[in-house]
Amino acid sequence: MKIPDRKLEGLLLKHGLMTAQQLEQAKSEISRAGKHGPSLQKIILNTGMITDGEFLRMQAAELNLPYIELDDL
């Protein structure tokens, strides 16, 4: 599920997954890529700024759903 960049920025800060400085670094990557560059979500996941698991846990928390790591079952 793609989250709009502005909303994602707030969620990342709220959940402590990134600092404001890290977000600025990611946004500068988007600016360098130009108008048709990748979204914030793609930048932070593809560069490893946060893991897929961290992203999914954040989404689950926002939707008030439990996050279950299937490898742990």
PDB file of N, CA and C in Angstrom:
ATOM      1  N   MET A   1       0.841  -1.169   0.000  1.00  0.00           N
ATOM      2  CA  MET A   1       0.000   0.000   0.000  1.00  0.00           C
ATOM      3  C   MET A   1       0.894   1.243   0.000  1.00  0.00           C
ATOM      4  N   LYS A   2       0.726   2.085  -1.009  1.00  0.00           N
ATOM      5  CA  LYS A   2       1.532   3.300  -1.089  1.00  0.00           C
ATOM      6  C   LYS A   2       0.916   4.379  -0.219  1.00  0.00           C
ATOM      7  N   ILE A   3       1.765   5.016   0.565  1.00  0.00           N
ATOM      8  CA  ILE A   3       1.355   6.114   1.438  1.00  0.00           C
ATOM      9  C   ILE A   3       1.878   7.409   0.829  1.00  0.00           C
ATOM     10  N   PRO A   4       1.025   8.436   0.710  1.00  0.00           N
ATOM     11  CA  PRO A   4       1.521   9.715   0.177  1.00  0.00           C
ATOM     12  C   PRO A   4       2.725  10.219   0.978  1.00  0.00           C
ATOM     13  N   ASP A   5       3.669  10.841   0.281  1.00  0.00           N
ATOM     14  CA  ASP A   5       4.931  11.264   0.899  1.00  0.00           C
ATOM     15  C   ASP A   5       4.735  12.110   2.160  1.00  0.00           C
ATOM     16  N   ARG A   6       3.857  13.102   2.116  1.00  0.00           N
ATOM     17  CA  ARG A   6       3.662  13.998   3.273  1.00  0.00           C
ATOM     18  C   ARG A   6       3.169  13.214   4.491  1.00  0.00           C
ATOM     19  N   LYS A   7       2.232  12.311   4.276  1.00  0.00           N
ATOM     20  CA  LYS A   7       1.718  11.506   5.384  1.00  0.00           C
ATOM     21  C   LYS A   7       2.806  10.571   5.903  1.00  0.00           C
ATOM     22  N   LEU A   8       3.559   9.979   4.982  1.00  0.00           N
ATOM     23  CA  LEU A   8       4.623   9.056   5.368  1.00  0.00           C
ATOM     24  C   LEU A   8       5.678   9.745   6.224  1.00  0.00           C
ATOM     25  N   GLU A   9       6.016  10.987   5.884  1.00  0.00           N
ATOM     26  CA  GLU A   9       6.986  11.736   6.685  1.00  0.00           C
ATOM     27  C   GLU A   9       6.538  11.803   8.138  1.00  0.00           C
ATOM     28  N   GLY A  10       5.284  12.168   8.343  1.00  0.00           N
ATOM     29  CA  GLY A  10       4.745  12.269   9.701  1.00  0.00           C
ATOM     30  C   GLY A  10       4.754  10.937  10.433  1.00  0.00           C
ATOM     31  N   LEU A  11       4.402   9.877   9.727  1.00  0.00           N
ATOM     32  CA  LEU A  11       4.368   8.553  10.356  1.00  0.00           C
ATOM     33  C   LEU A  11       5.763   8.081  10.751  1.00  0.00           C
ATOM     34  N   LEU A  12       6.728   8.330   9.890  1.00  0.00           N
ATOM     35  CA  LEU A  12       8.102   7.911  10.185  1.00  0.00           C
ATOM     36  C   LEU A  12       8.634   8.632  11.425  1.00  0.00           C
ATOM     37  N   LEU A  13       8.325   9.904  11.546  1.00  0.00           N
ATOM     38  CA  LEU A  13       8.747  10.672  12.722  1.00  0.00           C
ATOM     39  C   LEU A  13       7.983  10.205  13.960  1.00  0.00           C
ATOM     40  N   LYS A  14       6.684  10.032  13.829  1.00  0.00           N
ATOM     41  CA  LYS A  14       5.835   9.612  14.948  1.00  0.00           C
ATOM     42  C   LYS A  14       6.295   8.283  15.535  1.00  0.00           C
ATOM     43  N   HIS A  15       6.662   7.346  14.673  1.00  0.00           N
ATOM     44  CA  HIS A  15       7.068   6.011  15.126  1.00  0.00           C
ATOM     45  C   HIS A  15       8.563   5.914  15.416  1.00  0.00           C
ATOM     46  N   GLY A  16       9.283   7.023  15.271  1.00  0.00           N
ATOM     47  CA  GLY A  16      10.703   7.042  15.596  1.00  0.00           C
ATOM     48  C   GLY A  16      11.570   6.229  14.660  1.00  0.00           C
ATOM     49  N   LEU A  17      11.096   6.019  13.433  1.00  0.00           N
ATOM     50  CA  LEU A  17      11.870   5.223  12.485  1.00  0.00           C
ATOM     51  C   LEU A  17      12.935   6.034  11.762  1.00  0.00           C
ATOM     52  N   MET A  18      12.724   7.346  11.695  1.00  0.00           N
ATOM     53  CA  MET A  18      13.697   8.228  11.057  1.00  0.00           C
ATOM     54  C   MET A  18      13.717   9.558  11.792  1.00  0.00           C
ATOM     55  N   THR A  19      14.845  10.238  11.693  1.00  0.00           N
ATOM     56  CA  THR A  19      14.951  11.582  12.252  1.00  0.00           C
ATOM     57  C   THR A  19      14.605  12.593  11.155  1.00  0.00           C
ATOM     58  N   ALA A  20      14.399  13.833  11.546  1.00  0.00           N
ATOM     59  CA  ALA A  20      14.131  14.888  10.564  1.00  0.00           C
ATOM     60  C   ALA A  20      15.301  15.017   9.596  1.00  0.00           C
ATOM     61  N   GLN A  21      16.514  14.862  10.093  1.00  0.00           N
ATOM     62  CA  GLN A  21      17.704  14.959   9.242  1.00  0.00           C
ATOM     63  C   GLN A  21      17.715  13.825   8.204  1.00  0.00           C
ATOM     64  N   GLN A  22      17.374  12.616   8.618  1.00  0.00           N
ATOM     65  CA  GLN A  22      17.336  11.496   7.682  1.00  0.00           C
ATOM     66  C   GLN A  22      16.254  11.714   6.621  1.00  0.00           C
ATOM     67  N   LEU A  23      15.119  12.268   7.043  1.00  0.00           N
ATOM     68  CA  LEU A  23      14.052  12.557   6.081  1.00  0.00           C
ATOM     69  C   LEU A  23      14.507  13.594   5.058  1.00  0.00           C
ATOM     70  N   GLU A  24      15.218  14.598   5.505  1.00  0.00           N
ATOM     71  CA  GLU A  24      15.728  15.616   4.579  1.00  0.00           C
ATOM     72  C   GLU A  24      16.687  14.991   3.577  1.00  0.00           C
ATOM     73  N   GLN A  25      17.505  14.063   4.037  1.00  0.00           N
ATOM     74  CA  GLN A  25      18.434  13.374   3.140  1.00  0.00           C
ATOM     75  C   GLN A  25      17.654  12.584   2.084  1.00  0.00           C
ATOM     76  N   ALA A  26      16.607  11.883   2.508  1.00  0.00           N
ATOM     77  CA  ALA A  26      15.791  11.105   1.570  1.00  0.00           C
ATOM     78  C   ALA A  26      15.080  12.030   0.580  1.00  0.00           C
ATOM     79  N   LYS A  27      14.574  13.161   1.068  1.00  0.00           N
ATOM     80  CA  LYS A  27      13.878  14.096   0.193  1.00  0.00           C
ATOM     81  C   LYS A  27      14.836  14.738  -0.809  1.00  0.00           C
ATOM     82  N   SER A  28      16.091  14.906  -0.427  1.00  0.00           N
ATOM     83  CA  SER A  28      17.062  15.452  -1.381  1.00  0.00           C
ATOM     84  C   SER A  28      17.330  14.447  -2.502  1.00  0.00           C
ATOM     85  N   GLU A  29      17.265  13.164  -2.179  1.00  0.00           N
ATOM     86  CA  GLU A  29      17.402  12.120  -3.213  1.00  0.00           C
ATOM     87  C   GLU A  29      16.254  12.226  -4.215  1.00  0.00           C
ATOM     88  N   ILE A  30      15.058  12.483  -3.710  1.00  0.00           N
ATOM     89  CA  ILE A  30      13.890  12.623  -4.575  1.00  0.00           C
ATOM     90  C   ILE A  30      14.066  13.843  -5.474  1.00  0.00           C
ATOM     91  N   SER A  31      14.525  14.941  -4.901  1.00  0.00           N
ATOM     92  CA  SER A  31      14.731  16.173  -5.676  1.00  0.00           C
ATOM     93  C   SER A  31      15.750  15.965  -6.787  1.00  0.00           C
ATOM     94  N   ARG A  32      16.823  15.251  -6.475  1.00  0.00           N
ATOM     95  CA  ARG A  32      17.866  14.992  -7.482  1.00  0.00           C
ATOM     96  C   ARG A  32      17.341  14.154  -8.639  1.00  0.00           C
ATOM     97  N   ALA A  33      16.382  13.269  -8.319  1.00  0.00           N
ATOM     98  CA  ALA A  33      15.849  12.371  -9.350  1.00  0.00           C
ATOM     99  C   ALA A  33      14.910  13.093 -10.311  1.00  0.00           C
ATOM    100  N   GLY A  34      14.394  14.244  -9.901  1.00  0.00           N
ATOM    101  CA  GLY A  34      13.524  15.014 -10.783  1.00  0.00           C
ATOM    102  C   GLY A  34      12.055  14.663 -10.634  1.00  0.00           C
ATOM    103  N   LYS A  35      11.275  15.226 -11.535  1.00  0.00           N
ATOM    104  CA  LYS A  35       9.818  15.140 -11.473  1.00  0.00           C
ATOM    105  C   LYS A  35       9.297  13.697 -11.458  1.00  0.00           C
ATOM    106  N   HIS A  36       9.912  12.836 -12.206  1.00  0.00           N
ATOM    107  CA  HIS A  36       9.427  11.452 -12.317  1.00  0.00           C
ATOM    108  C   HIS A  36      10.262  10.477 -11.485  1.00  0.00           C
ATOM    109  N   GLY A  37      10.883  11.003 -10.453  1.00  0.00           N
ATOM    110  CA  GLY A  37      11.720  10.175  -9.596  1.00  0.00           C
ATOM    111  C   GLY A  37      10.896   9.290  -8.673  1.00  0.00           C
ATOM    112  N   PRO A  38      11.571   8.493  -7.871  1.00  0.00           N
ATOM    113  CA  PRO A  38      10.881   7.568  -6.971  1.00  0.00           C
ATOM    114  C   PRO A  38      10.189   8.301  -5.822  1.00  0.00           C
ATOM    115  N   SER A  39       9.231   7.621  -5.217  1.00  0.00           N
ATOM    116  CA  SER A  39       8.526   8.168  -4.057  1.00  0.00           C
ATOM    117  C   SER A  39       9.415   8.042  -2.818  1.00  0.00           C
ATOM    118  N   LEU A  40       9.025   8.735  -1.775  1.00  0.00           N
ATOM    119  CA  LEU A  40       9.737   8.644  -0.499  1.00  0.00           C
ATOM    120  C   LEU A  40       9.760   7.198  -0.019  1.00  0.00           C
ATOM    121  N   GLN A  41       8.651   6.519  -0.149  1.00  0.00           N
ATOM    122  CA  GLN A  41       8.557   5.116   0.280  1.00  0.00           C
ATOM    123  C   GLN A  41       9.598   4.272  -0.440  1.00  0.00           C
ATOM    124  N   LYS A  42       9.713   4.428  -1.753  1.00  0.00           N
ATOM    125  CA  LYS A  42      10.703   3.648  -2.507  1.00  0.00           C
ATOM    126  C   LYS A  42      12.125   3.988  -2.081  1.00  0.00           C
ATOM    127  N   ILE A  43      12.398   5.272  -1.891  1.00  0.00           N
ATOM    128  CA  ILE A  43      13.747   5.695  -1.489  1.00  0.00           C
ATOM    129  C   ILE A  43      14.135   5.055  -0.159  1.00  0.00           C
ATOM    130  N   ILE A  44      13.274   5.183   0.853  1.00  0.00           N
ATOM    131  CA  ILE A  44      13.667   4.700   2.182  1.00  0.00           C
ATOM    132  C   ILE A  44      13.767   3.187   2.243  1.00  0.00           C
ATOM    133  N   LEU A  45      12.958   2.486   1.456  1.00  0.00           N
ATOM    134  CA  LEU A  45      13.030   1.022   1.459  1.00  0.00           C
ATOM    135  C   LEU A  45      14.181   0.517   0.592  1.00  0.00           C
ATOM    136  N   ASN A  46      14.348   1.098  -0.584  1.00  0.00           N
ATOM    137  CA  ASN A  46      15.400   0.625  -1.500  1.00  0.00           C
ATOM    138  C   ASN A  46      16.803   0.945  -1.009  1.00  0.00           C
ATOM    139  N   THR A  47      16.958   2.022  -0.246  1.00  0.00           N
ATOM    140  CA  THR A  47      18.284   2.376   0.259  1.00  0.00           C
ATOM    141  C   THR A  47      18.564   1.752   1.623  1.00  0.00           C
ATOM    142  N   GLY A  48      17.565   1.102   2.197  1.00  0.00           N
ATOM    143  CA  GLY A  48      17.758   0.456   3.490  1.00  0.00           C
ATOM    144  C   GLY A  48      17.689   1.408   4.674  1.00  0.00           C
ATOM    145  N   MET A  49      17.128   2.611   4.458  1.00  0.00           N
ATOM    146  CA  MET A  49      16.994   3.545   5.580  1.00  0.00           C
ATOM    147  C   MET A  49      16.097   2.943   6.667  1.00  0.00           C
ATOM    148  N   ILE A  50      15.089   2.205   6.242  1.00  0.00           N
ATOM    149  CA  ILE A  50      14.315   1.366   7.169  1.00  0.00           C
ATOM    150  C   ILE A  50      14.079   0.042   6.463  1.00  0.00           C
ATOM    151  N   THR A  51      13.796  -0.983   7.235  1.00  0.00           N
ATOM    152  CA  THR A  51      13.567  -2.306   6.653  1.00  0.00           C
ATOM    153  C   THR A  51      12.105  -2.473   6.262  1.00  0.00           C
ATOM    154  N   ASP A  52      11.857  -3.471   5.443  1.00  0.00           N
ATOM    155  CA  ASP A  52      10.473  -3.799   5.088  1.00  0.00           C
ATOM    156  C   ASP A  52       9.671  -4.125   6.341  1.00  0.00           C
ATOM    157  N   GLY A  53      10.286  -4.850   7.264  1.00  0.00           N
ATOM    158  CA  GLY A  53       9.608  -5.219   8.506  1.00  0.00           C
ATOM    159  C   GLY A  53       9.219  -4.003   9.329  1.00  0.00           C
ATOM    160  N   GLU A  54      10.122  -3.037   9.439  1.00  0.00           N
ATOM    161  CA  GLU A  54       9.816  -1.807  10.178  1.00  0.00           C
ATOM    162  C   GLU A  54       8.656  -1.060   9.519  1.00  0.00           C
ATOM    163  N   PHE A  55       8.690  -1.017   8.194  1.00  0.00           N
ATOM    164  CA  PHE A  55       7.628  -0.332   7.453  1.00  0.00           C
ATOM    165  C   PHE A  55       6.285  -1.023   7.684  1.00  0.00           C
ATOM    166  N   LEU A  56       6.277  -2.342   7.607  1.00  0.00           N
ATOM    167  CA  LEU A  56       5.032  -3.089   7.792  1.00  0.00           C
ATOM    168  C   LEU A  56       4.516  -2.995   9.230  1.00  0.00           C
ATOM    169  N   ARG A  57       5.427  -3.001  10.215  1.00  0.00           N
ATOM    170  CA  ARG A  57       5.007  -2.837  11.612  1.00  0.00           C
ATOM    171  C   ARG A  57       4.366  -1.472  11.826  1.00  0.00           C
ATOM    172  N   MET A  58       4.936  -0.444  11.191  1.00  0.00           N
ATOM    173  CA  MET A  58       4.383   0.905  11.294  1.00  0.00           C
ATOM    174  C   MET A  58       2.979   0.946  10.694  1.00  0.00           C
ATOM    175  N   GLN A  59       2.812   0.342   9.530  1.00  0.00           N
ATOM    176  CA  GLN A  59       1.496   0.314   8.889  1.00  0.00           C
ATOM    177  C   GLN A  59       0.486  -0.429   9.764  1.00  0.00           C
ATOM    178  N   ALA A  60       0.889  -1.563  10.308  1.00  0.00           N
ATOM    179  CA  ALA A  60      -0.004  -2.340  11.161  1.00  0.00           C
ATOM    180  C   ALA A  60      -0.419  -1.534  12.383  1.00  0.00           C
ATOM    181  N   ALA A  61       0.529  -0.841  12.983  1.00  0.00           N
ATOM    182  CA  ALA A  61       0.220  -0.031  14.160  1.00  0.00           C
ATOM    183  C   ALA A  61      -0.780   1.066  13.822  1.00  0.00           C
ATOM    184  N   GLU A  62      -0.611   1.692  12.680  1.00  0.00           N
ATOM    185  CA  GLU A  62      -1.519   2.758  12.266  1.00  0.00           C
ATOM    186  C   GLU A  62      -2.926   2.234  11.984  1.00  0.00           C
ATOM    187  N   LEU A  63      -3.029   0.992  11.561  1.00  0.00           N
ATOM    188  CA  LEU A  63      -4.329   0.393  11.267  1.00  0.00           C
ATOM    189  C   LEU A  63      -4.893  -0.387  12.462  1.00  0.00           C
ATOM    190  N   ASN A  64      -4.177  -0.307  13.597  1.00  0.00           N
ATOM    191  CA  ASN A  64      -4.569  -1.039  14.807  1.00  0.00           C
ATOM    192  C   ASN A  64      -4.711  -2.535  14.554  1.00  0.00           C
ATOM    193  N   LEU A  65      -3.753  -3.060  13.807  1.00  0.00           N
ATOM    194  CA  LEU A  65      -3.718  -4.483  13.509  1.00  0.00           C
ATOM    195  C   LEU A  65      -2.462  -5.090  14.121  1.00  0.00           C
ATOM    196  N   PRO A  66      -2.547  -6.345  14.536  1.00  0.00           N
ATOM    197  CA  PRO A  66      -1.331  -6.989  15.041  1.00  0.00           C
ATOM    198  C   PRO A  66      -0.372  -7.275  13.885  1.00  0.00           C
ATOM    199  N   TYR A  67       0.899  -7.192  14.181  1.00  0.00           N
ATOM    200  CA  TYR A  67       1.914  -7.546  13.193  1.00  0.00           C
ATOM    201  C   TYR A  67       2.461  -8.898  13.592  1.00  0.00           C
ATOM    202  N   ILE A  68       2.398  -9.844  12.693  1.00  0.00           N
ATOM    203  CA  ILE A  68       2.872 -11.202  12.967  1.00  0.00           C
ATOM    204  C   ILE A  68       3.982 -11.530  12.006  1.00  0.00           C
ATOM    205  N   GLU A  69       5.121 -11.873  12.554  1.00  0.00           N
ATOM    206  CA  GLU A  69       6.260 -12.306  11.749  1.00  0.00           C
ATOM    207  C   GLU A  69       6.073 -13.789  11.471  1.00  0.00           C
ATOM    208  N   LEU A  70       5.793 -14.138  10.226  1.00  0.00           N
ATOM    209  CA  LEU A  70       5.483 -15.526   9.890  1.00  0.00           C
ATOM    210  C   LEU A  70       6.657 -16.462  10.135  1.00  0.00           C
ATOM    211  N   ASP A  71       7.874 -15.940  10.038  1.00  0.00           N
ATOM    212  CA  ASP A  71       9.045 -16.777  10.305  1.00  0.00           C
ATOM    213  C   ASP A  71       9.089 -17.235  11.754  1.00  0.00           C
ATOM    214  N   ASP A  72       8.404 -16.527  12.636  1.00  0.00           N
ATOM    215  CA  ASP A  72       8.422 -16.863  14.068  1.00  0.00           C
ATOM    216  C   ASP A  72       7.368 -17.906  14.446  1.00  0.00           C
ATOM    217  N   LEU A  73       6.504 -18.271  13.509  1.00  0.00           N
ATOM    218  CA  LEU A  73       5.448 -19.243  13.831  1.00  0.00           C
ATOM    219  C   LEU A  73       5.952 -20.653  13.782  1.00  0.00           C
TER     220      LEU A  73
END
